[in-house]
Amino acid sequence: MNQTISDLTTRRSVRAYSDRMPSKADLETICQAGLYAATGMGTQSPIILAVTNKALRDRLSRLNAQVMNTDSDPFYGAPVVLTVLVDTDTAVTPVEDGSLMMGNMLNAAHALGLSSCWINRAREVFASDEGKAILKDLGIEGNYLGIGNCIVGYAQGPEPQARPRKENRIHWVE
């Protein structure tokens, strides 16, 4: 089987991580793959907030947990959070553009032997006053919509097996 197809069909969402930090080179490769995702009319409007700083990672975890009314870590212990944000002033298709970026990064992480998972609630976190303040403090200006958080790291234990695919999900029209 072609390696790309194999990577696409064997990637799984992981929800338990060791605290081992991936290499900067691997994280840069994952982000670069995200930057090459298709965007509506070629606007290239999504950006990546690449967080390896533990204090900011933990702050984002706390904000994300608040959205769910819990105090557990929604990032499952992953040491890296790659948050995708899209400038709604320049994007033609912000949700689609950011979603494609997220998909590229999830698949790139797997191709490099890392584990990942899409974590929601970036929208609510970065719509909040504290989320907006984080972006302002980092010098990120604009009307940004949070699309998702791609958590990355090394799985703590084996990755989950794929569930069987549901039948009748392809409708051929020939």
N, C-alpha and C. Protein backbone atom coordinates (compact mmCIF):
# COMPACT_ATOMS: atom_id res chain seq x y z
N MET A 1 0.85 -1.18 0.00
CA MET A 1 0.00 0.00 0.00
C MET A 1 0.89 1.25 0.00
N ASN A 2 0.47 2.25 -0.69
CA ASN A 2 1.15 3.54 -0.72
C ASN A 2 1.28 4.08 0.71
N GLN A 3 2.42 4.66 1.07
CA GLN A 3 2.66 5.12 2.44
C GLN A 3 1.69 6.21 2.87
N THR A 4 1.36 7.12 1.96
CA THR A 4 0.41 8.18 2.32
C THR A 4 -0.95 7.59 2.65
N ILE A 5 -1.43 6.67 1.82
CA ILE A 5 -2.73 6.04 2.07
C ILE A 5 -2.67 5.26 3.38
N SER A 6 -1.58 4.58 3.63
CA SER A 6 -1.42 3.84 4.89
C SER A 6 -1.49 4.79 6.08
N ASP A 7 -0.81 5.92 6.01
CA ASP A 7 -0.84 6.90 7.10
C ASP A 7 -2.26 7.44 7.32
N LEU A 8 -2.96 7.70 6.23
CA LEU A 8 -4.32 8.24 6.35
C LEU A 8 -5.29 7.24 6.97
N THR A 9 -5.07 5.96 6.71
CA THR A 9 -6.01 4.95 7.20
C THR A 9 -5.61 4.35 8.54
N THR A 10 -4.42 4.65 9.03
CA THR A 10 -4.00 4.09 10.32
C THR A 10 -3.90 5.12 11.44
N ARG A 11 -4.09 6.40 11.13
CA ARG A 11 -4.03 7.42 12.18
C ARG A 11 -5.22 7.27 13.13
N ARG A 12 -4.98 7.44 14.40
CA ARG A 12 -6.03 7.35 15.42
C ARG A 12 -5.91 8.53 16.37
N SER A 13 -7.02 8.89 16.97
CA SER A 13 -7.02 9.93 18.00
C SER A 13 -6.57 9.29 19.31
N VAL A 14 -5.59 9.91 19.94
CA VAL A 14 -5.02 9.39 21.17
C VAL A 14 -5.42 10.30 22.33
N ARG A 15 -5.81 9.67 23.43
CA ARG A 15 -6.30 10.43 24.58
C ARG A 15 -5.55 10.11 25.87
N ALA A 16 -4.27 9.76 25.75
CA ALA A 16 -3.39 9.57 26.92
C ALA A 16 -1.95 9.76 26.43
N TYR A 17 -1.25 10.73 27.02
CA TYR A 17 0.09 11.10 26.56
C TYR A 17 1.12 11.05 27.68
N SER A 18 2.36 10.74 27.29
CA SER A 18 3.48 10.90 28.21
C SER A 18 3.87 12.37 28.18
N ASP A 19 4.72 12.79 29.10
CA ASP A 19 5.14 14.19 29.11
C ASP A 19 6.37 14.44 28.23
N ARG A 20 6.80 13.43 27.50
CA ARG A 20 7.96 13.55 26.60
C ARG A 20 7.65 14.53 25.48
N MET A 21 8.51 15.51 25.32
CA MET A 21 8.32 16.57 24.32
C MET A 21 8.83 16.11 22.96
N PRO A 22 8.02 16.24 21.91
CA PRO A 22 8.51 15.95 20.56
C PRO A 22 9.61 16.93 20.17
N SER A 23 10.40 16.56 19.19
CA SER A 23 11.48 17.44 18.75
C SER A 23 10.92 18.68 18.06
N LYS A 24 11.66 19.75 18.15
CA LYS A 24 11.26 21.00 17.48
C LYS A 24 11.18 20.77 15.97
N ALA A 25 12.10 19.97 15.43
CA ALA A 25 12.08 19.70 13.98
C ALA A 25 10.78 19.01 13.58
N ASP A 26 10.32 18.03 14.37
CA ASP A 26 9.07 17.35 14.05
C ASP A 26 7.89 18.31 14.15
N LEU A 27 7.88 19.15 15.17
CA LEU A 27 6.78 20.12 15.32
C LEU A 27 6.77 21.12 14.16
N GLU A 28 7.94 21.55 13.74
CA GLU A 28 8.02 22.45 12.58
C GLU A 28 7.50 21.77 11.32
N THR A 29 7.81 20.48 11.15
CA THR A 29 7.32 19.73 9.99
C THR A 29 5.81 19.62 10.01
N ILE A 30 5.25 19.35 11.18
CA ILE A 30 3.79 19.26 11.33
C ILE A 30 3.14 20.61 10.98
N CYS A 31 3.70 21.68 11.51
CA CYS A 31 3.15 23.01 11.21
C CYS A 31 3.28 23.34 9.73
N GLN A 32 4.40 22.98 9.14
CA GLN A 32 4.60 23.23 7.71
C GLN A 32 3.56 22.49 6.89
N ALA A 33 3.25 21.25 7.27
CA ALA A 33 2.21 20.50 6.57
C ALA A 33 0.87 21.23 6.69
N GLY A 34 0.61 21.81 7.85
CA GLY A 34 -0.61 22.58 8.04
C GLY A 34 -0.68 23.78 7.13
N LEU A 35 0.45 24.45 6.96
CA LEU A 35 0.48 25.64 6.11
C LEU A 35 0.20 25.33 4.65
N TYR A 36 0.40 24.07 4.24
CA TYR A 36 0.15 23.68 2.86
C TYR A 36 -1.27 23.18 2.62
N ALA A 37 -2.13 23.26 3.61
CA ALA A 37 -3.52 22.87 3.41
C ALA A 37 -4.19 23.84 2.43
N ALA A 38 -5.12 23.30 1.68
CA ALA A 38 -5.87 24.14 0.74
C ALA A 38 -6.69 25.17 1.50
N THR A 39 -6.83 26.36 0.92
CA THR A 39 -7.69 27.40 1.49
C THR A 39 -8.54 27.99 0.38
N GLY A 40 -9.74 28.42 0.73
CA GLY A 40 -10.64 29.02 -0.24
C GLY A 40 -10.00 30.21 -0.93
N MET A 41 -9.96 30.18 -2.24
CA MET A 41 -9.38 31.23 -3.08
C MET A 41 -7.92 31.52 -2.74
N GLY A 42 -7.24 30.54 -2.13
CA GLY A 42 -5.82 30.69 -1.85
C GLY A 42 -5.49 31.77 -0.84
N THR A 43 -6.41 32.10 0.06
CA THR A 43 -6.19 33.20 1.00
C THR A 43 -5.11 32.92 2.04
N GLN A 44 -4.85 31.63 2.34
CA GLN A 44 -3.87 31.26 3.36
C GLN A 44 -4.11 32.02 4.67
N SER A 45 -5.38 32.10 5.07
CA SER A 45 -5.73 32.89 6.25
C SER A 45 -5.56 32.17 7.60
N PRO A 46 -5.55 30.84 7.67
CA PRO A 46 -5.36 30.23 8.99
C PRO A 46 -3.94 30.43 9.50
N ILE A 47 -3.83 30.56 10.81
CA ILE A 47 -2.53 30.62 11.48
C ILE A 47 -2.49 29.54 12.55
N ILE A 48 -1.29 29.24 13.01
CA ILE A 48 -1.09 28.22 14.03
C ILE A 48 -0.44 28.87 15.24
N LEU A 49 -1.06 28.70 16.39
CA LEU A 49 -0.46 29.09 17.65
C LEU A 49 0.19 27.83 18.20
N ALA A 50 1.52 27.71 18.05
CA ALA A 50 2.26 26.51 18.41
C ALA A 50 2.76 26.65 19.85
N VAL A 51 2.10 25.96 20.76
CA VAL A 51 2.37 26.13 22.19
C VAL A 51 3.13 24.93 22.75
N THR A 52 4.38 25.20 23.14
CA THR A 52 5.18 24.21 23.86
C THR A 52 5.50 24.72 25.27
N ASN A 53 5.20 25.97 25.52
CA ASN A 53 5.39 26.58 26.83
C ASN A 53 4.37 25.98 27.80
N LYS A 54 4.84 25.31 28.86
CA LYS A 54 3.94 24.60 29.76
C LYS A 54 2.95 25.53 30.45
N ALA A 55 3.37 26.70 30.84
CA ALA A 55 2.46 27.62 31.53
C ALA A 55 1.30 28.02 30.62
N LEU A 56 1.59 28.36 29.36
CA LEU A 56 0.52 28.73 28.44
C LEU A 56 -0.32 27.51 28.07
N ARG A 57 0.32 26.37 27.88
CA ARG A 57 -0.41 25.13 27.59
C ARG A 57 -1.41 24.84 28.70
N ASP A 58 -0.97 24.98 29.95
CA ASP A 58 -1.85 24.71 31.09
C ASP A 58 -2.96 25.76 31.20
N ARG A 59 -2.65 26.99 30.85
CA ARG A 59 -3.67 28.04 30.87
C ARG A 59 -4.75 27.76 29.81
N LEU A 60 -4.33 27.36 28.62
CA LEU A 60 -5.28 27.01 27.57
C LEU A 60 -6.11 25.79 27.98
N SER A 61 -5.48 24.85 28.65
CA SER A 61 -6.20 23.67 29.14
C SER A 61 -7.28 24.08 30.14
N ARG A 62 -6.92 24.97 31.05
CA ARG A 62 -7.88 25.44 32.06
C ARG A 62 -9.06 26.15 31.40
N LEU A 63 -8.77 27.02 30.42
CA LEU A 63 -9.84 27.74 29.73
C LEU A 63 -10.74 26.76 28.96
N ASN A 64 -10.14 25.79 28.31
CA ASN A 64 -10.89 24.79 27.56
C ASN A 64 -11.77 23.98 28.50
N ALA A 65 -11.22 23.60 29.65
CA ALA A 65 -11.99 22.84 30.63
C ALA A 65 -13.16 23.66 31.17
N GLN A 66 -12.95 24.96 31.35
CA GLN A 66 -14.04 25.82 31.85
C GLN A 66 -15.23 25.81 30.90
N VAL A 67 -14.96 25.75 29.60
CA VAL A 67 -16.05 25.70 28.62
C VAL A 67 -16.91 24.46 28.85
N MET A 68 -16.25 23.35 29.27
CA MET A 68 -16.96 22.09 29.52
C MET A 68 -17.46 21.96 30.96
N ASN A 69 -17.20 22.98 31.78
CA ASN A 69 -17.56 22.92 33.21
C ASN A 69 -16.93 21.73 33.91
N THR A 70 -15.62 21.57 33.71
CA THR A 70 -14.88 20.49 34.35
C THR A 70 -13.52 21.03 34.79
N ASP A 71 -12.81 20.26 35.57
CA ASP A 71 -11.46 20.66 35.93
C ASP A 71 -10.43 19.65 35.44
N SER A 72 -10.86 18.69 34.61
CA SER A 72 -9.93 17.71 34.04
C SER A 72 -9.17 18.35 32.88
N ASP A 73 -8.08 17.73 32.46
CA ASP A 73 -7.25 18.24 31.37
C ASP A 73 -7.81 17.78 30.03
N PRO A 74 -8.44 18.68 29.27
CA PRO A 74 -8.99 18.28 27.98
C PRO A 74 -7.91 17.96 26.94
N PHE A 75 -6.64 18.25 27.27
CA PHE A 75 -5.53 17.96 26.37
C PHE A 75 -4.86 16.63 26.71
N TYR A 76 -5.42 15.90 27.65
CA TYR A 76 -5.00 14.52 27.98
C TYR A 76 -3.50 14.39 28.28
N GLY A 77 -2.91 15.44 28.81
CA GLY A 77 -1.49 15.37 29.17
C GLY A 77 -0.53 15.63 28.02
N ALA A 78 -1.02 15.86 26.82
CA ALA A 78 -0.14 16.14 25.67
C ALA A 78 0.67 17.39 25.95
N PRO A 79 1.98 17.36 25.67
CA PRO A 79 2.82 18.52 25.97
C PRO A 79 2.73 19.65 24.94
N VAL A 80 2.14 19.38 23.78
CA VAL A 80 2.09 20.37 22.70
C VAL A 80 0.65 20.61 22.28
N VAL A 81 0.31 21.89 22.10
CA VAL A 81 -0.99 22.27 21.57
C VAL A 81 -0.75 23.18 20.37
N LEU A 82 -1.26 22.75 19.22
CA LEU A 82 -1.18 23.54 18.00
C LEU A 82 -2.59 24.04 17.71
N THR A 83 -2.84 25.28 18.07
CA THR A 83 -4.18 25.84 17.91
C THR A 83 -4.29 26.52 16.56
N VAL A 84 -5.34 26.16 15.83
CA VAL A 84 -5.59 26.76 14.52
C VAL A 84 -6.62 27.87 14.69
N LEU A 85 -6.26 29.04 14.21
CA LEU A 85 -7.11 30.22 14.24
C LEU A 85 -7.21 30.78 12.82
N VAL A 86 -8.35 31.34 12.48
CA VAL A 86 -8.52 31.90 11.15
C VAL A 86 -9.01 33.33 11.27
N ASP A 87 -8.36 34.22 10.53
CA ASP A 87 -8.77 35.63 10.50
C ASP A 87 -10.03 35.74 9.65
N THR A 88 -11.13 36.02 10.28
CA THR A 88 -12.41 36.06 9.57
C THR A 88 -12.53 37.28 8.65
N ASP A 89 -11.64 38.25 8.80
CA ASP A 89 -11.66 39.41 7.90
C ASP A 89 -11.06 39.08 6.53
N THR A 90 -10.21 38.05 6.47
CA THR A 90 -9.54 37.74 5.20
C THR A 90 -9.97 36.39 4.62
N ALA A 91 -10.52 35.51 5.43
CA ALA A 91 -10.89 34.18 4.95
C ALA A 91 -12.21 34.22 4.19
N VAL A 92 -12.27 33.47 3.12
CA VAL A 92 -13.51 33.29 2.38
C VAL A 92 -14.30 32.14 2.99
N THR A 93 -13.58 31.11 3.42
CA THR A 93 -14.19 29.91 4.00
C THR A 93 -13.41 29.54 5.27
N PRO A 94 -13.59 30.29 6.35
CA PRO A 94 -12.74 30.13 7.53
C PRO A 94 -12.80 28.74 8.19
N VAL A 95 -13.98 28.21 8.39
CA VAL A 95 -14.08 26.91 9.07
C VAL A 95 -13.49 25.80 8.21
N GLU A 96 -13.78 25.84 6.93
CA GLU A 96 -13.25 24.83 6.02
C GLU A 96 -11.72 24.92 5.93
N ASP A 97 -11.21 26.14 5.81
CA ASP A 97 -9.76 26.33 5.70
C ASP A 97 -9.04 25.83 6.95
N GLY A 98 -9.55 26.21 8.10
CA GLY A 98 -8.93 25.78 9.35
C GLY A 98 -9.06 24.29 9.57
N SER A 99 -10.18 23.71 9.14
CA SER A 99 -10.37 22.27 9.30
C SER A 99 -9.39 21.48 8.44
N LEU A 100 -9.15 21.96 7.22
CA LEU A 100 -8.17 21.29 6.38
C LEU A 100 -6.77 21.38 6.99
N MET A 101 -6.44 22.54 7.56
CA MET A 101 -5.16 22.69 8.23
C MET A 101 -5.03 21.69 9.38
N MET A 102 -6.10 21.58 10.17
CA MET A 102 -6.10 20.63 11.29
C MET A 102 -5.86 19.21 10.77
N GLY A 103 -6.57 18.82 9.71
CA GLY A 103 -6.43 17.48 9.15
C GLY A 103 -5.01 17.21 8.69
N ASN A 104 -4.42 18.18 8.00
CA ASN A 104 -3.03 18.01 7.56
C ASN A 104 -2.10 17.78 8.74
N MET A 105 -2.28 18.55 9.81
CA MET A 105 -1.39 18.43 10.96
C MET A 105 -1.59 17.09 11.69
N LEU A 106 -2.83 16.66 11.84
CA LEU A 106 -3.09 15.37 12.48
C LEU A 106 -2.41 14.24 11.71
N ASN A 107 -2.54 14.27 10.39
CA ASN A 107 -1.94 13.23 9.57
C ASN A 107 -0.43 13.33 9.52
N ALA A 108 0.11 14.54 9.51
CA ALA A 108 1.56 14.72 9.51
C ALA A 108 2.16 14.19 10.81
N ALA A 109 1.50 14.45 11.93
CA ALA A 109 2.00 13.93 13.21
C ALA A 109 2.11 12.42 13.16
N HIS A 110 1.07 11.77 12.67
CA HIS A 110 1.07 10.31 12.58
C HIS A 110 2.20 9.82 11.66
N ALA A 111 2.38 10.48 10.53
CA ALA A 111 3.42 10.09 9.58
C ALA A 111 4.81 10.17 10.21
N LEU A 112 4.97 11.04 11.21
CA LEU A 112 6.26 11.20 11.90
C LEU A 112 6.38 10.30 13.13
N GLY A 113 5.38 9.48 13.39
CA GLY A 113 5.43 8.58 14.55
C GLY A 113 4.95 9.21 15.84
N LEU A 114 4.26 10.34 15.73
CA LEU A 114 3.70 11.00 16.90
C LEU A 114 2.21 10.75 16.97
N SER A 115 1.64 10.95 18.13
CA SER A 115 0.20 10.80 18.32
C SER A 115 -0.43 12.18 18.38
N SER A 116 -1.74 12.22 18.09
CA SER A 116 -2.44 13.50 18.07
C SER A 116 -3.93 13.28 18.29
N CYS A 117 -4.63 14.39 18.52
CA CYS A 117 -6.08 14.35 18.65
C CYS A 117 -6.60 15.77 18.42
N TRP A 118 -7.73 15.87 17.76
CA TRP A 118 -8.41 17.16 17.57
C TRP A 118 -9.22 17.42 18.83
N ILE A 119 -8.97 18.55 19.47
CA ILE A 119 -9.71 18.96 20.66
C ILE A 119 -10.50 20.22 20.31
N ASN A 120 -11.79 20.16 20.51
CA ASN A 120 -12.66 21.29 20.20
C ASN A 120 -12.57 22.38 21.27
N ARG A 121 -13.43 23.36 21.15
CA ARG A 121 -13.63 24.47 22.07
C ARG A 121 -12.61 25.61 21.89
N ALA A 122 -11.81 25.58 20.82
CA ALA A 122 -10.93 26.72 20.53
C ALA A 122 -11.77 27.95 20.22
N ARG A 123 -12.92 27.73 19.61
CA ARG A 123 -13.81 28.85 19.27
C ARG A 123 -14.21 29.61 20.53
N GLU A 124 -14.69 28.86 21.53
CA GLU A 124 -15.15 29.49 22.77
C GLU A 124 -13.99 30.10 23.54
N VAL A 125 -12.85 29.41 23.59
CA VAL A 125 -11.70 29.93 24.33
C VAL A 125 -11.24 31.26 23.76
N PHE A 126 -11.10 31.35 22.43
CA PHE A 126 -10.56 32.57 21.84
C PHE A 126 -11.62 33.63 21.56
N ALA A 127 -12.88 33.32 21.82
CA ALA A 127 -13.93 34.33 21.82
C ALA A 127 -14.05 34.99 23.19
N SER A 128 -13.44 34.37 24.21
CA SER A 128 -13.51 34.90 25.57
C SER A 128 -12.55 36.07 25.73
N ASP A 129 -12.79 36.88 26.74
CA ASP A 129 -11.90 38.01 27.01
C ASP A 129 -10.48 37.53 27.29
N GLU A 130 -10.35 36.45 28.07
CA GLU A 130 -9.01 35.95 28.39
C GLU A 130 -8.32 35.40 27.15
N GLY A 131 -9.06 34.71 26.29
CA GLY A 131 -8.48 34.20 25.05
C GLY A 131 -8.01 35.32 24.15
N LYS A 132 -8.82 36.37 24.03
CA LYS A 132 -8.44 37.53 23.23
C LYS A 132 -7.21 38.22 23.82
N ALA A 133 -7.14 38.25 25.15
CA ALA A 133 -5.98 38.86 25.82
C ALA A 133 -4.71 38.06 25.55
N ILE A 134 -4.83 36.74 25.52
CA ILE A 134 -3.66 35.91 25.20
C ILE A 134 -3.13 36.26 23.82
N LEU A 135 -4.02 36.33 22.84
CA LEU A 135 -3.58 36.68 21.49
C LEU A 135 -2.96 38.07 21.45
N LYS A 136 -3.58 39.02 22.13
CA LYS A 136 -3.04 40.38 22.14
C LYS A 136 -1.65 40.40 22.78
N ASP A 137 -1.49 39.68 23.89
CA ASP A 137 -0.19 39.62 24.56
C ASP A 137 0.89 39.01 23.67
N LEU A 138 0.47 38.12 22.76
CA LEU A 138 1.41 37.47 21.85
C LEU A 138 1.62 38.28 20.57
N GLY A 139 0.94 39.43 20.47
CA GLY A 139 1.09 40.28 19.30
C GLY A 139 0.29 39.81 18.09
N ILE A 140 -0.72 38.97 18.33
CA ILE A 140 -1.57 38.48 17.25
C ILE A 140 -2.82 39.33 17.21
N GLU A 141 -2.94 40.11 16.13
CA GLU A 141 -4.05 41.03 16.01
C GLU A 141 -4.94 40.64 14.84
N GLY A 142 -6.22 40.86 14.99
CA GLY A 142 -7.19 40.54 13.96
C GLY A 142 -8.43 39.93 14.59
N ASN A 143 -9.37 39.58 13.76
CA ASN A 143 -10.61 38.96 14.22
C ASN A 143 -10.50 37.46 14.02
N TYR A 144 -9.89 36.80 14.99
CA TYR A 144 -9.60 35.38 14.85
C TYR A 144 -10.68 34.49 15.44
N LEU A 145 -11.02 33.48 14.65
CA LEU A 145 -11.96 32.44 15.03
C LEU A 145 -11.16 31.19 15.35
N GLY A 146 -11.34 30.65 16.56
CA GLY A 146 -10.67 29.41 16.91
C GLY A 146 -11.33 28.23 16.22
N ILE A 147 -10.55 27.43 15.52
CA ILE A 147 -11.08 26.28 14.79
C ILE A 147 -10.88 25.00 15.58
N GLY A 148 -9.70 24.78 16.10
CA GLY A 148 -9.44 23.56 16.85
C GLY A 148 -8.06 23.56 17.46
N ASN A 149 -7.86 22.62 18.36
CA ASN A 149 -6.57 22.41 19.00
C ASN A 149 -6.07 21.03 18.58
N CYS A 150 -4.92 21.00 17.95
CA CYS A 150 -4.28 19.73 17.58
C CYS A 150 -3.26 19.43 18.67
N ILE A 151 -3.61 18.49 19.56
CA ILE A 151 -2.65 18.14 20.60
C ILE A 151 -1.70 17.10 20.02
N VAL A 152 -0.42 17.18 20.41
CA VAL A 152 0.61 16.33 19.84
C VAL A 152 1.54 15.85 20.94
N GLY A 153 1.96 14.62 20.82
CA GLY A 153 2.93 14.06 21.75
C GLY A 153 3.14 12.59 21.50
N TYR A 154 3.65 11.92 22.51
CA TYR A 154 3.87 10.48 22.45
C TYR A 154 2.79 9.79 23.26
N ALA A 155 2.16 8.81 22.66
CA ALA A 155 1.08 8.09 23.35
C ALA A 155 1.63 7.40 24.59
N GLN A 156 0.81 7.42 25.62
CA GLN A 156 1.13 6.67 26.83
C GLN A 156 0.41 5.32 26.66
N GLY A 157 1.15 4.33 26.20
CA GLY A 157 0.54 3.04 25.89
C GLY A 157 0.25 2.92 24.41
N PRO A 158 -0.35 1.80 24.01
CA PRO A 158 -0.63 1.59 22.59
C PRO A 158 -1.75 2.48 22.08
N GLU A 159 -1.66 2.83 20.80
CA GLU A 159 -2.72 3.61 20.17
C GLU A 159 -3.94 2.72 20.00
N PRO A 160 -5.13 3.31 20.02
CA PRO A 160 -6.35 2.51 19.87
C PRO A 160 -6.45 1.88 18.48
N GLN A 161 -7.17 0.79 18.41
CA GLN A 161 -7.44 0.14 17.12
C GLN A 161 -8.61 0.86 16.44
N ALA A 162 -8.63 0.75 15.13
CA ALA A 162 -9.72 1.37 14.37
C ALA A 162 -11.02 0.60 14.60
N ARG A 163 -12.08 1.33 14.71
CA ARG A 163 -13.41 0.71 14.73
C ARG A 163 -13.73 0.28 13.31
N PRO A 164 -14.54 -0.76 13.16
CA PRO A 164 -14.95 -1.12 11.80
C PRO A 164 -15.67 0.05 11.13
N ARG A 165 -15.43 0.22 9.86
CA ARG A 165 -16.08 1.29 9.12
C ARG A 165 -17.54 0.91 8.87
N LYS A 166 -18.42 1.87 9.02
CA LYS A 166 -19.84 1.65 8.73
C LYS A 166 -20.01 1.38 7.24
N GLU A 167 -20.97 0.55 6.94
CA GLU A 167 -21.24 0.23 5.54
C GLU A 167 -22.15 1.28 4.91
N ASN A 168 -22.22 1.21 3.58
CA ASN A 168 -23.13 2.04 2.78
C ASN A 168 -22.89 3.54 2.96
N ARG A 169 -21.64 3.92 3.02
CA ARG A 169 -21.34 5.34 3.14
C ARG A 169 -20.81 5.93 1.85
N ILE A 170 -20.69 5.11 0.82
CA ILE A 170 -20.30 5.61 -0.51
C ILE A 170 -21.45 5.34 -1.45
N HIS A 171 -21.89 6.37 -2.12
CA HIS A 171 -23.01 6.26 -3.07
C HIS A 171 -22.48 6.59 -4.46
N TRP A 172 -22.24 5.57 -5.24
CA TRP A 172 -21.70 5.76 -6.59
C TRP A 172 -22.80 6.23 -7.54
N VAL A 173 -22.45 7.20 -8.32
CA VAL A 173 -23.32 7.67 -9.39
C VAL A 173 -22.50 7.57 -10.68
N GLU A 174 -22.80 6.54 -11.49
CA GLU A 174 -21.98 6.31 -12.70
C GLU A 174 -22.79 6.52 -13.95
